[in-house]
C-alpha atoms as a PDB file:
ATOM      1  CA  MET A   1      10.300 -27.696  12.644  1.00  0.00           C
ATOM      2  CA  ALA A   2      11.627 -24.170  11.922  1.00  0.00           C
ATOM      3  CA  VAL A   3       9.903 -21.442  13.990  1.00  0.00           C
ATOM      4  CA  TYR A   4      10.192 -17.699  13.432  1.00  0.00           C
ATOM      5  CA  ASN A   5      11.082 -16.030  16.708  1.00  0.00           C
ATOM      6  CA  GLY A   6      12.015 -12.602  15.350  1.00  0.00           C
ATOM      7  CA  PRO A   7      10.094  -9.305  15.652  1.00  0.00           C
ATOM      8  CA  LEU A   8       6.509  -9.663  14.505  1.00  0.00           C
ATOM      9  CA  CYS A   9       6.429  -6.109  13.231  1.00  0.00           C
ATOM     10  CA  ARG A  10       9.223  -7.097  10.806  1.00  0.00           C
ATOM     11  CA  VAL A  11       6.825  -9.615   9.179  1.00  0.00           C
ATOM     12  CA  CYS A  12       4.152  -6.914   8.733  1.00  0.00           C
ATOM     13  CA  ARG A  13       6.737  -4.606   7.175  1.00  0.00           C
ATOM     14  CA  SER A  14       7.770  -7.307   4.714  1.00  0.00           C
ATOM     15  CA  GLN A  15       4.134  -7.613   3.587  1.00  0.00           C
ATOM     16  CA  GLY A  16       3.586  -3.877   3.496  1.00  0.00           C
ATOM     17  CA  LYS A  17       0.449  -4.055   5.622  1.00  0.00           C
ATOM     18  CA  LYS A  18      -0.664  -4.683   9.210  1.00  0.00           C
ATOM     19  CA  LEU A  19      -1.377  -8.370   9.878  1.00  0.00           C
ATOM     20  CA  PHE A  20      -2.365  -7.866  13.486  1.00  0.00           C
ATOM     21  CA  LEU A  21       0.071 -10.668  14.627  1.00  0.00           C
ATOM     22  CA  LYS A  22       0.156  -9.139  18.172  1.00  0.00           C
ATOM     23  CA  GLY A  23      -3.628  -9.316  18.419  1.00  0.00           C
ATOM     24  CA  ASP A  24      -5.227  -6.477  20.388  1.00  0.00           C
ATOM     25  CA  ARG A  25      -1.878  -4.645  20.889  1.00  0.00           C
ATOM     26  CA  CYS A  26      -1.908  -3.836  17.176  1.00  0.00           C
ATOM     27  CA  TYR A  27      -4.920  -1.642  17.696  1.00  0.00           C
ATOM     28  CA  THR A  28      -3.512   0.275  20.649  1.00  0.00           C
ATOM     29  CA  LYS A  29       0.161   0.603  19.759  1.00  0.00           C
ATOM     30  CA  LYS A  30       1.487   2.543  16.807  1.00  0.00           C
ATOM     31  CA  CYS A  31       3.471   0.119  14.579  1.00  0.00           C
ATOM     32  CA  PRO A  32       6.559   0.779  12.358  1.00  0.00           C
ATOM     33  CA  LEU A  33       4.374   0.809   9.258  1.00  0.00           C
ATOM     34  CA  GLU A  34       2.451   3.810  10.556  1.00  0.00           C
ATOM     35  CA  ARG A  35       5.749   5.556  11.288  1.00  0.00           C
ATOM     36  CA  GLY A  36       6.705   5.269   7.620  1.00  0.00           C
ATOM     37  CA  ARG A  37       9.172   2.434   7.838  1.00  0.00           C
ATOM     38  CA  GLY A  38       9.302   0.276   4.733  1.00  0.00           C
ATOM     39  CA  ILE A  39      10.385  -3.227   3.768  1.00  0.00           C
ATOM     40  CA  PRO A  40      13.219  -4.478   6.071  1.00  0.00           C
ATOM     41  CA  GLY A  41      16.706  -4.740   4.457  1.00  0.00           C
ATOM     42  CA  GLN A  42      15.938  -2.447   1.583  1.00  0.00           C
ATOM     43  CA  LYS A  43      16.761   1.169   1.009  1.00  0.00           C
ATOM     44  CA  GLN A  44      13.822   3.529   0.901  1.00  0.00           C
ATOM     45  CA  ILE A  45      13.936   4.204  -2.807  1.00  0.00           C
ATOM     46  CA  VAL A  46      11.663   3.326  -5.648  1.00  0.00           C
ATOM     47  CA  LEU A  47      13.194   1.888  -8.790  1.00  0.00           C
ATOM     48  CA  HIS A  48      11.399   2.322 -12.096  1.00  0.00           C
ATOM     49  CA  PHE A  49      12.002  -1.258 -13.072  1.00  0.00           C
ATOM     50  CA  ASN A  50      10.759  -2.773  -9.820  1.00  0.00           C
ATOM     51  CA  LYS A  51       7.220  -3.361 -11.016  1.00  0.00           C
ATOM     52  CA  ALA A  52       4.964  -5.809  -9.236  1.00  0.00           C
ATOM     53  CA  THR A  53       4.094  -8.932 -11.308  1.00  0.00           C
ATOM     54  CA  ASP A  54       1.102 -11.216 -10.985  1.00  0.00           C
ATOM     55  CA  TYR A  55       3.378 -13.879  -9.448  1.00  0.00           C
ATOM     56  CA  LYS A  56       4.555 -11.445  -6.829  1.00  0.00           C
ATOM     57  CA  HIS A  57       0.940 -10.591  -5.870  1.00  0.00           C
ATOM     58  CA  HIS A  58       0.066 -14.271  -5.630  1.00  0.00           C
ATOM     59  CA  LEU A  59       3.138 -15.100  -3.550  1.00  0.00           C
ATOM     60  CA  GLN A  60       2.598 -12.159  -1.165  1.00  0.00           C
ATOM     61  CA  GLU A  61      -0.965 -13.293  -0.497  1.00  0.00           C
ATOM     62  CA  LYS A  62       0.230 -16.809   0.322  1.00  0.00           C
ATOM     63  CA  GLN A  63       2.998 -15.511   2.602  1.00  0.00           C
ATOM     64  CA  LYS A  64       0.537 -13.191   4.267  1.00  0.00           C
ATOM     65  CA  VAL A  65      -1.796 -16.083   5.161  1.00  0.00           C
ATOM     66  CA  LYS A  66       1.108 -18.239   6.356  1.00  0.00           C
ATOM     67  CA  SER A  67       2.247 -15.421   8.621  1.00  0.00           C
ATOM     68  CA  ILE A  68      -1.193 -14.713  10.017  1.00  0.00           C
ATOM     69  CA  TYR A  69      -1.820 -18.299  10.946  1.00  0.00           C
ATOM     70  CA  GLY A  70       1.764 -19.244  11.863  1.00  0.00           C
ATOM     71  CA  VAL A  71       2.186 -22.233   9.580  1.00  0.00           C
ATOM     72  CA  LEU A  72       5.129 -23.265   7.417  1.00  0.00           C
ATOM     73  CA  GLU A  73       5.165 -24.257   3.736  1.00  0.00           C
ATOM     74  CA  ARG A  74       4.888 -28.035   4.073  1.00  0.00           C
ATOM     75  CA  GLN A  75       1.944 -27.791   6.396  1.00  0.00           C
ATOM     76  CA  PHE A  76       0.330 -25.105   4.213  1.00  0.00           C
ATOM     77  CA  ARG A  77       0.624 -27.351   1.127  1.00  0.00           C
ATOM     78  CA  ARG A  78      -0.964 -30.177   3.016  1.00  0.00           C
ATOM     79  CA  TYR A  79      -3.959 -28.026   3.924  1.00  0.00           C
ATOM     80  CA  PHE A  80      -4.241 -26.952   0.289  1.00  0.00           C
ATOM     81  CA  GLY A  81      -4.193 -30.590  -0.815  1.00  0.00           C
ATOM     82  CA  ILE A  82      -7.135 -31.299   1.514  1.00  0.00           C
ATOM     83  CA  ALA A  83      -8.991 -28.256   0.305  1.00  0.00           C
ATOM     84  CA  ILE A  84      -8.583 -29.062  -3.362  1.00  0.00           C
ATOM     85  CA  ARG A  85      -9.980 -32.620  -2.965  1.00  0.00           C
ATOM     86  CA  GLN A  86     -13.355 -31.473  -1.702  1.00  0.00           C
ATOM     87  CA  LYS A  87     -16.121 -30.131  -4.069  1.00  0.00           C
ATOM     88  CA  GLU A  88     -18.500 -28.447  -1.550  1.00  0.00           C
ATOM     89  CA  ILE A  89     -17.198 -24.903  -1.471  1.00  0.00           C
ATOM     90  CA  PRO A  90     -14.483 -23.042  -3.431  1.00  0.00           C
ATOM     91  CA  THR A  91     -10.965 -24.326  -2.784  1.00  0.00           C
ATOM     92  CA  GLY A  92      -9.689 -21.033  -1.399  1.00  0.00           C
ATOM     93  CA  ASP A  93     -12.556 -20.662   1.096  1.00  0.00           C
ATOM     94  CA  LYS A  94     -12.046 -24.279   2.183  1.00  0.00           C
ATOM     95  CA  LEU A  95      -8.349 -23.636   2.813  1.00  0.00           C
ATOM     96  CA  LEU A  96      -9.124 -20.685   5.002  1.00  0.00           C
ATOM     97  CA  GLU A  97     -11.843 -22.660   6.746  1.00  0.00           C
ATOM     98  CA  ILE A  98      -9.249 -25.317   7.670  1.00  0.00           C
ATOM     99  CA  LEU A  99      -6.859 -22.717   8.948  1.00  0.00           C
ATOM    100  CA  GLU A 100      -9.602 -21.066  11.053  1.00  0.00           C
ATOM    101  CA  ARG A 101     -10.485 -24.467  12.610  1.00  0.00           C
ATOM    102  CA  ARG A 102      -6.947 -25.020  13.860  1.00  0.00           C
ATOM    103  CA  LEU A 103      -7.081 -25.305  17.672  1.00  0.00           C
ATOM    104  CA  ASP A 104      -4.582 -22.479  18.272  1.00  0.00           C
ATOM    105  CA  ASN A 105      -6.741 -20.135  16.081  1.00  0.00           C
ATOM    106  CA  VAL A 106      -9.941 -21.210  17.886  1.00  0.00           C
ATOM    107  CA  VAL A 107      -8.328 -20.466  21.247  1.00  0.00           C
ATOM    108  CA  PHE A 108      -7.427 -16.973  19.959  1.00  0.00           C
ATOM    109  CA  ARG A 109     -10.914 -16.457  18.450  1.00  0.00           C
ATOM    110  CA  MET A 110     -12.545 -17.317  21.781  1.00  0.00           C
ATOM    111  CA  GLY A 111     -10.424 -14.719  23.549  1.00  0.00           C
ATOM    112  CA  PHE A 112      -8.344 -17.089  25.685  1.00  0.00           C
ATOM    113  CA  ALA A 113      -5.182 -15.578  24.225  1.00  0.00           C
ATOM    114  CA  PRO A 114      -4.288 -12.102  22.920  1.00  0.00           C
ATOM    115  CA  ASN A 115      -2.835 -13.475  19.690  1.00  0.00           C
ATOM    116  CA  ARG A 116      -2.242 -16.717  17.816  1.00  0.00           C
ATOM    117  CA  LYS A 117       1.349 -17.138  18.954  1.00  0.00           C
ATOM    118  CA  THR A 118       0.317 -17.047  22.588  1.00  0.00           C
ATOM    119  CA  ALA A 119      -2.567 -19.357  21.793  1.00  0.00           C
ATOM    120  CA  LYS A 120      -0.115 -21.842  20.265  1.00  0.00           C
ATOM    121  CA  GLN A 121       1.945 -21.836  23.480  1.00  0.00           C
ATOM    122  CA  LEU A 122      -1.096 -22.357  25.677  1.00  0.00           C
ATOM    123  CA  VAL A 123      -2.134 -25.424  23.633  1.00  0.00           C
ATOM    124  CA  SER A 124       1.490 -26.844  23.482  1.00  0.00           C
ATOM    125  CA  HIS A 125       1.806 -26.485  27.294  1.00  0.00           C
ATOM    126  CA  GLY A 126      -1.366 -28.471  27.911  1.00  0.00           C
ATOM    127  CA  HIS A 127      -3.667 -25.755  29.159  1.00  0.00           C
ATOM    128  CA  ILE A 128      -6.511 -26.439  26.721  1.00  0.00           C
ATOM    129  CA  LEU A 129      -9.147 -29.119  26.785  1.00  0.00           C
ATOM    130  CA  VAL A 130     -11.232 -30.227  23.798  1.00  0.00           C
ATOM    131  CA  ASN A 131     -14.449 -32.019  24.763  1.00  0.00           C
ATOM    132  CA  SER A 132     -12.995 -32.492  28.303  1.00  0.00           C
ATOM    133  CA  LYS A 133      -9.801 -34.101  26.930  1.00  0.00           C
ATOM    134  CA  LYS A 134      -6.388 -32.446  26.896  1.00  0.00           C
ATOM    135  CA  VAL A 135      -5.118 -31.674  23.447  1.00  0.00           C
ATOM    136  CA  ASP A 136      -1.577 -30.228  23.129  1.00  0.00           C
ATOM    137  CA  ILE A 137      -1.352 -30.111  19.302  1.00  0.00           C
ATOM    138  CA  PRO A 138      -1.828 -26.554  17.984  1.00  0.00           C
ATOM    139  CA  SER A 139      -2.638 -27.833  14.443  1.00  0.00           C
ATOM    140  CA  TYR A 140      -5.543 -30.076  15.745  1.00  0.00           C
ATOM    141  CA  ILE A 141      -8.574 -29.458  13.486  1.00  0.00           C
ATOM    142  CA  THR A 142     -11.729 -28.770  15.507  1.00  0.00           C
ATOM    143  CA  ASN A 143     -15.237 -29.605  14.437  1.00  0.00           C
ATOM    144  CA  LYS A 144     -18.740 -28.226  14.859  1.00  0.00           C
ATOM    145  CA  ASN A 145     -20.124 -28.645  18.445  1.00  0.00           C
ATOM    146  CA  ASP A 146     -16.608 -29.110  19.925  1.00  0.00           C
ATOM    147  CA  THR A 147     -16.259 -27.511  23.314  1.00  0.00           C
ATOM    148  CA  ILE A 148     -12.955 -25.713  24.011  1.00  0.00           C
ATOM    149  CA  GLU A 149     -12.080 -24.877  27.667  1.00  0.00           C
ATOM    150  CA  ILE A 150      -9.205 -23.823  29.841  1.00  0.00           C
ATOM    151  CA  LYS A 151      -8.029 -26.502  32.181  1.00  0.00           C
ATOM    152  CA  GLU A 152      -9.255 -25.652  35.715  1.00  0.00           C
ATOM    153  CA  GLY A 153      -5.713 -25.380  37.118  1.00  0.00           C
ATOM    154  CA  SER A 154      -4.777 -22.926  34.394  1.00  0.00           C
ATOM    155  CA  ARG A 155      -7.627 -20.433  34.778  1.00  0.00           C
ATOM    156  CA  GLN A 156      -5.668 -18.090  37.016  1.00  0.00           C
ATOM    157  CA  ILE A 157      -2.869 -17.535  34.446  1.00  0.00           C
ATOM    158  CA  PRO A 158      -2.731 -13.779  34.117  1.00  0.00           C
ATOM    159  CA  ILE A 159      -2.498 -13.653  30.327  1.00  0.00           C
ATOM    160  CA  ILE A 160      -5.586 -15.812  29.951  1.00  0.00           C
ATOM    161  CA  LYS A 161      -7.655 -13.728  32.382  1.00  0.00           C
ATOM    162  CA  GLU A 162      -6.524 -10.422  30.958  1.00  0.00           C
ATOM    163  CA  SER A 163      -7.147 -11.485  27.393  1.00  0.00           C
ATOM    164  CA  LEU A 164     -10.610 -12.825  28.179  1.00  0.00           C
ATOM    165  CA  GLU A 165     -11.604  -9.751  30.144  1.00  0.00           C
ATOM    166  CA  ALA A 166     -10.438  -7.436  27.337  1.00  0.00           C
ATOM    167  CA  ARG A 167     -12.383  -9.257  24.601  1.00  0.00           C
ATOM    168  CA  SER A 168     -15.900  -8.066  24.085  1.00  0.00           C
ATOM    169  CA  VAL A 169     -16.612  -9.187  20.542  1.00  0.00           C
ATOM    170  CA  PHE A 170     -16.202 -12.755  19.263  1.00  0.00           C
ATOM    171  CA  SER A 171     -16.330 -14.464  15.896  1.00  0.00           C
ATOM    172  CA  PRO A 172     -19.960 -15.342  14.814  1.00  0.00           C
ATOM    173  CA  TRP A 173     -19.091 -19.085  14.594  1.00  0.00           C
ATOM    174  CA  VAL A 174     -18.225 -19.457  18.242  1.00  0.00           C
ATOM    175  CA  GLU A 175     -19.994 -18.931  21.574  1.00  0.00           C
ATOM    176  CA  VAL A 176     -18.023 -18.162  24.671  1.00  0.00           C
ATOM    177  CA  ASN A 177     -18.877 -18.326  28.399  1.00  0.00           C
ATOM    178  CA  LYS A 178     -16.329 -16.012  30.093  1.00  0.00           C
ATOM    179  CA  GLU A 179     -17.283 -17.031  33.615  1.00  0.00           C
ATOM    180  CA  ALA A 180     -16.846 -20.770  32.811  1.00  0.00           C
ATOM    181  CA  PHE A 181     -13.688 -20.263  30.666  1.00  0.00           C
ATOM    182  CA  ASN A 182     -15.135 -22.313  27.842  1.00  0.00           C
ATOM    183  CA  GLY A 183     -16.590 -21.896  24.398  1.00  0.00           C
ATOM    184  CA  THR A 184     -18.436 -23.895  21.742  1.00  0.00           C
ATOM    185  CA  ILE A 185     -18.023 -24.102  18.009  1.00  0.00           C
ATOM    186  CA  VAL A 186     -21.660 -23.496  16.938  1.00  0.00           C
ATOM    187  CA  THR A 187     -21.008 -23.643  13.216  1.00  0.00           C
ATOM    188  CA  LEU A 188     -18.163 -24.010  10.813  1.00  0.00           C
ATOM    189  CA  PRO A 189     -16.688 -20.611   9.792  1.00  0.00           C
ATOM    190  CA  ASN A 190     -18.226 -18.973   6.745  1.00  0.00           C
ATOM    191  CA  ILE A 191     -15.227 -17.340   5.133  1.00  0.00           C
ATOM    192  CA  PRO A 192     -17.008 -14.736   2.952  1.00  0.00           C
ATOM    193  CA  GLU A 193     -18.995 -13.483   5.998  1.00  0.00           C
ATOM    194  CA  LEU A 194     -15.809 -13.180   8.185  1.00  0.00           C
ATOM    195  CA  ALA A 195     -14.255 -10.509   5.932  1.00  0.00           C
ATOM    196  CA  LEU A 196     -10.668 -11.572   6.758  1.00  0.00           C
ATOM    197  CA  GLY A 197      -9.108  -9.243   4.188  1.00  0.00           C
ATOM    198  CA  ILE A 198      -7.611 -12.193   2.387  1.00  0.00           C
ATOM    199  CA  ASN A 199      -8.083 -13.037  -1.345  1.00  0.00           C
ATOM    200  CA  PRO A 200      -7.821 -16.910  -1.408  1.00  0.00           C
ATOM    201  CA  THR A 201      -8.227 -16.998  -5.179  1.00  0.00           C
ATOM    202  CA  LEU A 202      -4.691 -15.630  -5.566  1.00  0.00           C
ATOM    203  CA  ILE A 203      -3.354 -18.585  -3.534  1.00  0.00           C
ATOM    204  CA  VAL A 204      -5.303 -21.111  -5.639  1.00  0.00           C
ATOM    205  CA  GLU A 205      -3.951 -19.495  -8.820  1.00  0.00           C
ATOM    206  CA  LEU A 206      -0.422 -19.634  -7.471  1.00  0.00           C
ATOM    207  CA  TYR A 207      -0.549 -23.380  -6.780  1.00  0.00           C
ATOM    208  CA  SER A 208      -2.345 -24.014 -10.092  1.00  0.00           C
ATOM    209  CA  LYS A 209       0.575 -22.774 -12.157  1.00  0.00           C
END
């Protein structure tokens, strides 16, 4: 599978907005966007005929979500296929709910990693237990009442301790016990309440064309 290993700030520049791909560091460190740098690979000029179309807005929203959660096109389409087959909640909200329930995202939400990229590495290297069983698949979809914890032998890893100590606010759909290095998914994420700054309707419209 292809993996992007380039500068994360370059991804934000390509989208024209901060995606907070570095986690807490994005709040404390001034990024290239704030220094006035534009889209990478393009001259800093505005052409009168370079008007944004509806398709461009739809595509940018999809690319933004893929960048935030670190998934590629094939996997993203599979998640969309799952979302469109259910009838309980809007397709766009269901798509974001599935992405939020990915194990690497849950590890990040619980504060065990400073960003999703690091969370994905922790999962892949076998540092994470789900319901007391090791799971090393970042795309594993968690469920309500699942318990996520750091393996006992991994609790002294500096990046885990530092990230957990620095985190004071957690997502409303998880409960975290810092001292025990574990957390529980108390409810499925309610996308409208999370205010993710994402418009999933644009993604649904893109795939509906």
